[in-house]
Amino acid sequence: MNNRTQDLTGLEQTVRQAVLSTDGVDRLYPADPTCRAALKGGLALATGQQTTPQDVDLKVQAQAPTVRLRIGVTGTIPAPAVARTVSAVVRQHLLEAFPGQEPQLTVQICAIGKDGQQQETAM
C-alpha cells in the first residue's frame, strides 16, 4: 500500500468517526445500493478480485475530492438537518486534507428511526 492509499484510508476512517459522532446519525450504510454492491461483488468474484462494501466512498480526482455517504438517522432531529450537519462536518475534514479544493459531497438518508427503531425507506 502506497502513502497516498494509506492517507486516504486514514481520512476515510476519520470521516467515518466524524459522521457517526454527529448528533442524529444512527449508522452508516454501504455507499453503494444493494443492487450495485451485488454487481460489484459478482464482477469481483468473476475476476478473482476481493472487494468489501465501503461505507465511506472517497475518491480524489484532479478537480476535487468526492465523498458519497448513506446514513441512517435516529429521527430525534429532522433528517434534512442531520444531512446538512454531516455534510458540513465532512466538508471541513476534506478542506483540511485538500486545501484549495472544493469537495463534492453526496449524503443520502437511507433510514429514519422512530423511538430508537430503524424504519427502512426506499430512496
Foldseek 3Di string as FASTA:
>chain_A
DDPVVVVVVVLLVVLLVLLCPQAFFDHWDFLDPPVVVVVVCVVCVVVVHDDDGRQWDWDQDPQAIEIGTETETAQPDPPVVSQVVSVVSSQVSRCVVPPPHRYHYHYHYQWYHDPRHTDGDDD
